[in-house]
Protein backbone atom coordinates (compact mmCIF):
# COMPACT_ATOMS: atom_id res chain seq x y z
CA UNK A 1 -63.69 -23.03 20.50
CA UNK A 2 -59.98 -22.17 20.86
CA UNK A 3 -58.91 -25.45 19.27
CA UNK A 4 -61.25 -24.91 16.38
CA UNK A 5 -60.02 -21.36 15.85
CA UNK A 6 -56.40 -22.54 15.98
CA UNK A 7 -57.12 -25.26 13.45
CA UNK A 8 -58.85 -22.85 11.08
CA UNK A 9 -56.00 -20.33 11.43
CA UNK A 10 -53.35 -22.98 10.83
CA UNK A 11 -55.15 -24.37 7.79
CA UNK A 12 -55.80 -20.98 6.22
CA UNK A 13 -52.20 -19.82 6.74
CA UNK A 14 -50.77 -23.04 5.26
CA UNK A 15 -53.02 -22.72 2.22
CA UNK A 16 -52.14 -19.02 1.81
CA UNK A 17 -48.40 -19.77 2.02
CA UNK A 18 -48.58 -22.35 -0.78
CA UNK A 19 -47.99 -19.65 -3.37
CA UNK A 20 -44.45 -19.08 -4.56
CA UNK A 21 -43.34 -15.52 -3.76
CA UNK A 22 -41.43 -12.99 -5.82
CA UNK A 23 -39.10 -10.58 -4.02
CA UNK A 24 -37.65 -7.53 -5.70
CA UNK A 25 -35.84 -4.39 -4.55
CA UNK A 26 -35.73 -1.18 -6.54
CA UNK A 27 -32.46 0.72 -6.94
CA UNK A 28 -31.28 1.70 -3.49
CA UNK A 29 -30.70 5.45 -3.09
CA UNK A 30 -27.36 6.70 -1.76
CA UNK A 31 -28.81 7.36 1.70
CA UNK A 32 -30.08 3.78 2.20
CA UNK A 33 -27.52 1.14 3.14
CA UNK A 34 -29.82 -1.79 3.97
CA UNK A 35 -33.46 -2.42 3.02
CA UNK A 36 -35.75 -5.26 4.00
CA UNK A 37 -37.12 -7.16 1.03
CA UNK A 38 -40.89 -7.28 0.47
CA UNK A 39 -43.09 -9.48 -1.67
CA UNK A 40 -44.06 -7.99 -4.97
CA UNK A 41 -47.83 -8.02 -5.55
CA UNK A 42 -49.83 -6.72 -8.46
CA UNK A 43 -53.54 -6.01 -8.84
CA UNK A 44 -54.05 -9.43 -10.43
CA UNK A 45 -52.16 -11.35 -7.75
CA UNK A 46 -53.99 -13.93 -5.63
CA UNK A 47 -51.19 -14.11 -3.09
CA UNK A 48 -52.65 -11.39 -0.87
CA UNK A 49 -53.13 -13.31 2.38
CA UNK A 50 -49.65 -14.82 2.75
CA UNK A 51 -48.00 -14.71 6.16
CA UNK A 52 -45.45 -12.02 6.93
CA UNK A 53 -41.77 -12.97 7.21
CA UNK A 54 -42.33 -16.34 5.51
CA UNK A 55 -40.43 -17.34 2.37
CA UNK A 56 -42.06 -20.26 0.58
CA UNK A 57 -39.84 -22.86 -0.98
CA UNK A 58 -39.23 -22.09 -4.67
CA UNK A 59 -39.64 -18.34 -4.24
CA UNK A 60 -37.77 -16.15 -6.71
CA UNK A 61 -35.53 -13.28 -5.58
CA UNK A 62 -34.25 -10.72 -8.10
CA UNK A 63 -30.84 -9.24 -7.29
CA UNK A 64 -29.85 -6.03 -9.08
CA UNK A 65 -26.38 -4.70 -9.87
CA UNK A 66 -24.84 -2.91 -6.90
CA UNK A 67 -26.86 -5.00 -4.43
CA UNK A 68 -26.23 -7.99 -2.20
CA UNK A 69 -29.10 -10.21 -1.03
CA UNK A 70 -29.12 -11.96 2.34
CA UNK A 71 -31.68 -14.44 3.73
CA UNK A 72 -32.07 -14.67 7.51
CA UNK A 73 -33.96 -17.68 8.88
CA UNK A 74 -34.89 -17.63 12.57
CA UNK A 75 -32.28 -14.94 13.21
CA UNK A 76 -29.41 -16.80 11.51
CA UNK A 77 -27.85 -15.95 8.13
CA UNK A 78 -28.51 -18.92 5.85
CA UNK A 79 -27.90 -17.53 2.34
CA UNK A 80 -25.94 -14.70 0.69
CA UNK A 81 -25.89 -13.72 -2.98
CA UNK A 82 -23.98 -10.80 -4.50
CA UNK A 83 -24.35 -11.86 -8.14
CA UNK A 84 -26.92 -9.95 -10.15
CA UNK A 85 -29.74 -12.03 -11.60
CA UNK A 86 -32.49 -14.42 -10.53
CA UNK A 87 -32.06 -16.39 -7.33
CA UNK A 88 -34.38 -19.34 -6.52
CA UNK A 89 -34.75 -20.20 -2.85
CA UNK A 90 -35.07 -23.99 -2.71
CA UNK A 91 -33.89 -24.68 0.84
CA UNK A 92 -36.81 -23.27 2.78
CA UNK A 93 -38.65 -25.24 5.47
CA UNK A 94 -41.93 -23.80 4.17
CA UNK A 95 -43.20 -26.32 1.54
CA UNK A 96 -45.51 -25.71 -1.41
CA UNK A 97 -47.27 -28.08 -3.74
CA UNK A 98 -46.23 -25.86 -6.69
CA UNK A 99 -42.49 -26.59 -6.31
CA UNK A 100 -41.00 -30.07 -6.02
CA UNK A 101 -42.75 -33.41 -5.98
CA UNK A 102 -46.47 -33.28 -5.23
CA UNK A 103 -46.59 -36.31 -2.94
CA UNK A 104 -43.59 -35.20 -0.92
CA UNK A 105 -44.75 -31.62 -0.64
CA UNK A 106 -48.25 -32.68 0.46
CA UNK A 107 -46.68 -34.61 3.31
CA UNK A 108 -44.44 -31.63 4.21
CA UNK A 109 -47.42 -29.29 4.12
CA UNK A 110 -49.32 -31.63 6.48
CA UNK A 111 -46.34 -31.52 8.88
CA UNK A 112 -46.35 -27.71 8.69
CA UNK A 113 -50.10 -27.68 9.42
CA UNK A 114 -49.57 -29.73 12.57
CA UNK A 115 -46.77 -27.44 13.74
CA UNK A 116 -48.86 -24.33 13.22
CA UNK A 117 -51.83 -25.90 14.94
CA UNK A 118 -49.55 -26.56 17.92
CA UNK A 119 -48.54 -22.88 17.82
CA UNK A 120 -52.19 -21.79 18.05
CA UNK A 121 -52.44 -21.07 14.33
CA UNK A 122 -49.31 -18.92 14.21
CA UNK A 123 -46.43 -19.69 11.85
CA UNK A 124 -43.84 -19.85 14.63
CA UNK A 125 -41.14 -18.75 12.14
CA UNK A 126 -39.37 -15.60 11.02
CA UNK A 127 -37.72 -15.53 7.60
CA UNK A 128 -36.49 -12.27 6.11
CA UNK A 129 -34.68 -11.00 3.04
CA UNK A 130 -32.34 -8.00 3.22
CA UNK A 131 -30.82 -6.08 0.34
CA UNK A 132 -27.49 -4.32 0.94
CA UNK A 133 -26.29 -1.31 -1.01
CA UNK A 134 -22.81 -2.29 -2.26
CA UNK A 135 -22.36 0.79 -4.43
CA UNK A 136 -19.86 3.50 -3.54
CA UNK A 137 -21.40 5.81 -0.92
CA UNK A 138 -20.19 9.26 -1.97
CA UNK A 139 -20.55 12.80 -0.69
CA UNK A 140 -19.31 12.34 2.89
CA UNK A 141 -17.88 15.69 3.91
CA UNK A 142 -15.16 16.09 6.52
CA UNK A 143 -13.07 18.88 7.97
CA UNK A 144 -10.41 19.19 10.65
CA UNK A 145 -11.62 21.55 13.35
CA UNK A 146 -8.16 21.62 14.94
CA UNK A 147 -4.83 21.71 13.07
CA UNK A 148 -3.20 18.36 12.40
CA UNK A 149 0.58 18.02 12.93
CA UNK A 150 2.51 17.37 9.74
CA UNK A 151 6.23 16.64 9.53
CA UNK A 152 7.90 18.43 6.63
CA UNK A 153 10.90 16.58 5.20
CA UNK A 154 13.00 18.13 2.43
CA UNK A 155 16.17 16.19 1.69
CA UNK A 156 17.32 18.83 -0.80
CA UNK A 157 17.83 21.46 1.88
CA UNK A 158 18.02 19.22 4.96
CA UNK A 159 14.69 20.48 6.34
CA UNK A 160 12.96 18.52 9.09
CA UNK A 161 10.29 20.40 11.04
CA UNK A 162 6.72 19.97 12.30
CA UNK A 163 3.93 22.27 11.16
CA UNK A 164 0.16 22.37 11.69
CA UNK A 165 -2.24 22.08 8.76
CA UNK A 166 -6.01 22.16 8.25
CA UNK A 167 -7.77 20.53 5.33
CA UNK A 168 -11.30 19.84 4.13
CA UNK A 169 -12.85 17.59 1.53
CA UNK A 170 -15.02 14.53 0.93
CA UNK A 171 -14.56 10.79 1.14
CA UNK A 172 -16.49 7.75 -0.03
CA UNK A 173 -16.86 4.28 1.43
CA UNK A 174 -18.40 0.95 0.48
CA UNK A 175 -19.86 -2.05 2.28
CA UNK A 176 -17.43 -4.85 1.48
CA UNK A 177 -18.70 -7.50 3.92
CA UNK A 178 -22.52 -7.47 4.33
CA UNK A 179 -22.40 -10.27 6.92
CA UNK A 180 -20.22 -8.23 9.28
CA UNK A 181 -22.33 -5.15 8.66
CA UNK A 182 -25.52 -7.08 9.48
CA UNK A 183 -24.10 -8.74 12.60
CA UNK A 184 -22.34 -5.73 14.10
CA UNK A 185 -24.18 -2.68 12.77
CA UNK A 186 -27.73 -2.89 11.44
CA UNK A 187 -29.10 -6.25 12.69
CA UNK A 188 -32.67 -7.29 11.86
CA UNK A 189 -33.98 -3.86 10.86
CA UNK A 190 -37.71 -3.63 10.21
CA UNK A 191 -37.54 -1.40 7.14
CA UNK A 192 -34.55 0.74 6.03
CA UNK A 193 -31.15 1.39 7.57
CA UNK A 194 -29.91 4.80 6.36
CA UNK A 195 -26.44 6.25 6.35
CA UNK A 196 -27.48 9.01 8.77
CA UNK A 197 -27.41 6.41 11.55
CA UNK A 198 -23.71 5.67 11.09
CA UNK A 199 -22.14 8.60 9.23
CA UNK A 200 -21.44 10.67 12.34
CA UNK A 201 -19.60 7.75 13.94
CA UNK A 202 -17.60 7.08 10.79
CA UNK A 203 -16.66 10.74 10.43
CA UNK A 204 -15.50 10.94 14.05
CA UNK A 205 -13.30 7.86 13.66
CA UNK A 206 -11.99 9.16 10.33
CA UNK A 207 -10.85 12.45 11.85
CA UNK A 208 -9.17 10.52 14.66
CA UNK A 209 -7.32 8.34 12.16
CA UNK A 210 -6.19 11.23 9.98
CA UNK A 211 -3.26 12.12 12.24
CA UNK A 212 -1.46 8.72 12.07
CA UNK A 213 -2.31 8.49 8.35
CA UNK A 214 -0.79 11.92 7.77
CA UNK A 215 2.30 10.78 9.68
CA UNK A 216 2.73 7.89 7.21
CA UNK A 217 2.35 10.25 4.26
CA UNK A 218 4.90 12.72 5.64
CA UNK A 219 7.36 9.87 6.25
CA UNK A 220 7.23 9.22 2.50
CA UNK A 221 8.72 12.68 1.92
CA UNK A 222 5.54 14.14 0.38
CA UNK A 223 5.08 17.85 1.01
CA UNK A 224 1.82 19.01 2.51
CA UNK A 225 1.16 21.25 -0.50
CA UNK A 226 1.34 18.13 -2.72
CA UNK A 227 -1.21 16.13 -0.70
CA UNK A 228 -4.09 16.77 -3.16
CA UNK A 229 -2.06 14.84 -5.73
CA UNK A 230 -1.53 11.86 -3.42
CA UNK A 231 -5.07 11.12 -2.30
CA UNK A 232 -4.68 7.46 -3.32
CA UNK A 233 -1.81 6.98 -0.88
CA UNK A 234 -3.76 8.87 1.77
CA UNK A 235 -6.82 6.62 1.34
CA UNK A 236 -4.60 3.55 1.58
CA UNK A 237 -3.00 4.89 4.76
CA UNK A 238 -6.43 5.60 6.27
CA UNK A 239 -7.61 2.07 5.45
CA UNK A 240 -4.55 0.67 7.19
CA UNK A 241 -5.26 2.72 10.32
CA UNK A 242 -9.03 2.04 10.27
CA UNK A 243 -8.86 -1.61 9.22
CA UNK A 244 -9.51 -2.88 12.75
CA UNK A 245 -12.67 -0.81 13.28
CA UNK A 246 -14.04 -0.49 9.78
CA UNK A 247 -13.01 -3.51 7.72
CA UNK A 248 -12.70 -6.18 10.41
CA UNK A 249 -15.62 -5.02 12.57
CA UNK A 250 -18.17 -3.39 10.26
CA UNK A 251 -17.19 -4.65 6.81
CA UNK A 252 -16.67 -1.10 5.48
CA UNK A 253 -13.64 0.39 3.74
CA UNK A 254 -12.69 3.76 2.27
CA UNK A 255 -12.82 3.89 -1.53
CA UNK A 256 -11.54 7.41 -2.17
CA UNK A 257 -10.38 10.37 -0.14
CA UNK A 258 -10.48 13.83 -1.67
CA UNK A 259 -8.85 17.03 -0.43
CA UNK A 260 -10.58 20.17 -1.65
CA UNK A 261 -8.63 22.77 0.35
CA UNK A 262 -5.59 22.77 2.59
CA UNK A 263 -3.80 25.47 4.53
CA UNK A 264 -0.94 25.67 6.98
CA UNK A 265 -0.16 28.20 9.66
CA UNK A 266 1.05 31.47 8.13
CA UNK A 267 4.15 31.55 10.33
CA UNK A 268 5.04 27.98 9.36
CA UNK A 269 4.61 28.72 5.65
CA UNK A 270 6.78 31.82 5.95
CA UNK A 271 9.48 29.85 7.76
CA UNK A 272 9.54 27.11 5.13
CA UNK A 273 9.73 29.61 2.27
CA UNK A 274 12.56 31.47 3.99
CA UNK A 275 14.56 28.27 4.55
CA UNK A 276 14.05 27.15 0.96
CA UNK A 277 15.09 30.57 -0.28
CA UNK A 278 18.23 30.59 1.85
CA UNK A 279 19.11 27.04 0.74
CA UNK A 280 19.32 28.27 -2.86
CA UNK A 281 22.11 30.64 -1.85
CA UNK A 282 24.37 27.71 -0.95
CA UNK A 283 25.21 27.83 -4.63
CA UNK A 284 27.80 30.67 -4.90
CA UNK A 285 26.62 31.52 -8.40
CA UNK A 286 22.99 31.94 -7.24
CA UNK A 287 24.11 33.92 -4.20
CA UNK A 288 26.20 36.23 -6.40
CA UNK A 289 23.32 36.78 -8.82
CA UNK A 290 21.00 37.63 -5.92
CA UNK A 291 23.60 39.99 -4.50
CA UNK A 292 24.01 41.75 -7.83
CA UNK A 293 20.24 42.23 -8.02
CA UNK A 294 20.13 43.59 -4.47
CA UNK A 295 22.98 46.00 -5.24
CA UNK A 296 21.20 47.19 -8.37
CA UNK A 297 18.02 47.85 -6.39
CA UNK A 298 20.04 49.69 -3.75
CA UNK A 299 21.71 51.84 -6.40
CA UNK A 300 18.34 52.70 -7.91
CA UNK A 301 16.99 53.69 -4.50
CA UNK A 302 20.12 55.68 -3.77
CA UNK A 303 19.92 57.48 -7.10
CA UNK A 304 16.34 58.45 -6.36
CA UNK A 305 17.35 60.20 -3.11
CA UNK A 306 18.12 63.90 -3.20
CA UNK A 307 20.95 65.71 -1.50
CA UNK A 308 23.43 63.86 0.69
CA UNK A 309 21.30 60.72 0.87
CA UNK A 310 22.57 59.37 -2.43
CA UNK A 311 26.21 60.14 -1.60
CA UNK A 312 26.02 58.45 1.76
CA UNK A 313 24.38 55.36 0.20
CA UNK A 314 27.11 54.94 -2.43
CA UNK A 315 29.78 55.53 0.18
CA UNK A 316 28.29 52.81 2.35
CA UNK A 317 28.26 50.36 -0.56
CA UNK A 318 31.92 51.08 -1.38
CA UNK A 319 32.90 50.58 2.24
CA UNK A 320 31.03 47.23 2.37
CA UNK A 321 32.74 46.06 -0.82
CA UNK A 322 36.11 47.05 0.60
CA UNK A 323 35.60 44.82 3.62
CA UNK A 324 34.41 41.87 1.48
CA UNK A 325 30.81 42.01 2.60
CA UNK A 326 29.15 42.84 -0.70
CA UNK A 327 31.64 41.68 -3.33
CA UNK A 328 29.70 39.54 -5.82
CA UNK A 329 32.83 38.88 -7.90
CA UNK A 330 34.27 36.79 -5.09
CA UNK A 331 31.20 34.55 -5.18
CA UNK A 332 31.42 34.16 -8.96
CA UNK A 333 35.10 33.23 -8.64
CA UNK A 334 34.25 30.72 -5.90
CA UNK A 335 31.71 29.01 -8.15
CA UNK A 336 34.22 28.88 -11.01
CA UNK A 337 36.76 27.18 -8.74
CA UNK A 338 34.26 24.66 -7.37
CA UNK A 339 32.97 23.49 -10.76
CA UNK A 340 36.14 21.58 -11.81
CA UNK A 341 36.36 20.05 -8.35
CA UNK A 342 32.79 18.77 -8.57
CA UNK A 343 33.52 16.98 -11.83
CA UNK A 344 34.17 13.29 -11.58
CA UNK A 345 37.84 12.36 -11.37
CA UNK A 346 39.08 10.46 -14.42
CA UNK A 347 39.60 6.77 -14.04
CA UNK A 348 43.30 5.91 -13.61
CA UNK A 349 44.79 4.42 -16.75
CA UNK A 350 46.03 0.89 -16.63
CA UNK A 351 44.11 -0.06 -13.48
CA UNK A 352 41.40 -2.63 -13.97
CA UNK A 353 38.43 -2.78 -11.61
CA UNK A 354 37.47 -5.99 -9.83
CA UNK A 355 34.45 -7.19 -7.88
CA UNK A 356 34.86 -8.41 -4.34
CA UNK A 357 33.70 -12.06 -4.13
CA UNK A 358 32.59 -11.57 -0.51
CA UNK A 359 30.45 -8.39 -0.55
CA UNK A 360 30.11 -7.60 -4.28
CA UNK A 361 31.71 -4.13 -4.09
CA UNK A 362 33.50 -2.87 -7.21
CA UNK A 363 37.07 -1.80 -6.32
CA UNK A 364 40.14 -0.40 -8.02
CA UNK A 365 42.93 -1.09 -5.45
CA UNK A 366 44.39 -4.23 -3.97
CA UNK A 367 41.93 -4.42 -1.08
CA UNK A 368 38.13 -4.13 -0.93
CA UNK A 369 37.12 -0.71 0.37
CA UNK A 370 33.99 -2.19 1.98
CA UNK A 371 35.19 -5.37 3.77
CA UNK A 372 39.02 -5.06 3.33
CA UNK A 373 39.21 -8.44 1.57
CA UNK A 374 42.32 -8.78 -0.64
CA UNK A 375 41.98 -8.73 -4.39
CA UNK A 376 41.88 -12.33 -5.70
CA UNK A 377 44.91 -13.23 -7.74
CA UNK A 378 44.29 -14.28 -11.30
CA UNK A 379 45.18 -17.85 -12.06
CA UNK A 380 48.60 -17.98 -13.73
CA UNK A 381 49.18 -20.39 -16.61
CA UNK A 382 49.68 -20.71 -20.33
CA UNK A 383 47.32 -20.36 -23.27
CA UNK A 384 46.85 -23.32 -25.59
CA UNK A 385 47.77 -22.38 -29.17
CA UNK A 386 45.21 -24.85 -30.57
CA UNK A 387 42.00 -24.02 -28.68
CA UNK A 388 42.91 -20.92 -26.63
CA UNK A 389 42.18 -22.51 -23.23
CA UNK A 390 44.10 -21.14 -20.22
CA UNK A 391 45.92 -23.98 -18.45
CA UNK A 392 48.29 -24.50 -15.54
CA UNK A 393 49.44 -28.10 -16.07
CA UNK A 394 51.59 -29.74 -18.69
CA UNK A 395 48.66 -30.60 -20.96
CA UNK A 396 45.63 -28.62 -22.17
CA UNK A 397 42.47 -29.52 -20.28
CA UNK A 398 40.35 -28.99 -23.40
CA UNK A 399 42.23 -30.61 -26.28
CA UNK A 400 45.10 -32.44 -24.43
CA UNK A 401 47.76 -30.53 -26.37
CA UNK A 402 51.13 -30.47 -24.56
CA UNK A 403 52.43 -27.33 -22.97
CA UNK A 404 54.78 -25.52 -25.38
CA UNK A 405 58.37 -25.59 -24.32
CA UNK A 406 60.09 -22.38 -23.51
CA UNK A 407 57.01 -20.59 -22.06
CA UNK A 408 58.43 -18.65 -19.13
CA UNK A 409 56.56 -18.17 -15.87
CA UNK A 410 56.32 -14.54 -14.84
CA UNK A 411 55.88 -13.17 -11.34
CA UNK A 412 56.48 -9.59 -10.17
CA UNK A 413 59.45 -9.53 -7.82
CA UNK A 414 58.03 -6.46 -6.05
CA UNK A 415 54.40 -7.34 -5.22
CA UNK A 416 54.04 -10.96 -6.36
CA UNK A 417 51.49 -10.32 -9.11
CA UNK A 418 51.26 -13.00 -11.83
CA UNK A 419 49.79 -12.43 -15.31
CA UNK A 420 46.87 -14.59 -16.38
CA UNK A 421 48.46 -15.32 -19.77
CA UNK A 422 52.14 -16.26 -19.40
CA UNK A 423 52.64 -16.23 -23.15
CA UNK A 424 51.78 -12.50 -23.40
CA UNK A 425 52.95 -10.73 -20.20
CA UNK A 426 52.64 -6.93 -19.84
CA UNK A 427 55.66 -4.67 -19.91
CA UNK A 428 54.84 -3.24 -16.48
CA UNK A 429 53.15 -4.70 -13.40
CA UNK A 430 49.58 -3.31 -13.23
CA UNK A 431 49.70 -3.39 -9.42
CA UNK A 432 52.92 -1.62 -8.52
CA UNK A 433 54.21 -0.34 -11.89
CA UNK A 434 57.50 -2.23 -11.71
CA UNK A 435 58.84 -3.12 -15.20
CA UNK A 436 59.01 -6.81 -16.13
CA UNK A 437 62.53 -8.05 -16.77
CA UNK A 438 64.57 -11.20 -16.36
CA UNK A 439 64.29 -10.97 -12.60
CA UNK A 440 60.54 -11.55 -12.87
CA UNK A 441 60.90 -14.91 -14.62
CA UNK A 442 60.62 -17.77 -12.13
């Protein structure tokens, strides 16, 4: 009786699985990351007794935009498709007479019948289709419960200090590698895998990675108050920190990172503002203007006092000015003296610059100010009157014209400098300033 029942079960299941299946997945909501594909059946369909987790050869799978389809056969990933459109599964081990050659498929169906009979009428197989949500998963809120250290760098005032900041916002992520996500996160889920099963873990790791990511941002010289304008750099820094756990392990990466609010410790903010304010007063003109304003406010307050209060206030101001403590005119004079000094010194006349052949530094003197290499001497010679080529021999290297007779050879008797064009020497040596005369003709 058992053999007969197994035979009937095997035959009925093989006949029921002859129909080609159609798999379709509706638009995945934002809270569903992975969904198991199911066969689509209508009221007029005759494919109502097909075996579960069996994909017949020639079955059609519809892949929508923002989805990735994966076929798992006996626990192993055998197919992956991330391109939207119709996908035909033609590599299944479950034959059908409606796809492929009839004679060959009849033989394959007979082999399947024998296998199922040996399994007591059961299919002995597990084939599944999973659809992955590859859209951007938005709306993931985060917040730092404890302050995060942030290094404030301000090259303008020479500021380098550590403060503590708190910030809140949202981030979004996306599944970039469905195979890694299936192998290491969701596995062979029976129905849906929602984001609630992984969001808490991702948020915890994100908050842990914020501190080294913030350190990279602060090293770039970005102020903490300007972080909302540099969320792209912050997301990139977070991906670099989380690449080992998220990208390489789970196939997930951060798409965007938004900062909705940010605040620093009140004492730290007050310290930074005070230092920035004091740095402005390094300019004597700004310091004098501030001092004039402070003196004006003091005079107004003194004038508002009755009796001896006003007299004592003015007397104190005069005494401070007499000792040099509140004299704004001195600061204005200091700024006037510094302005000409800050201007660039004019380039010395008659001194040509040259580029060091060893380090590339542009110099004005006889030695390189970077590597101390001597200035290369210009090649002395004579200029051909026919073609203008500078030569050193008796004949022109360009047109073979002979060297004109009577062209003297000049060389400074003080420093040894030689002009490049012997036919048109300067009146004074450009190196030492010695005048050229008969003693310089060699």
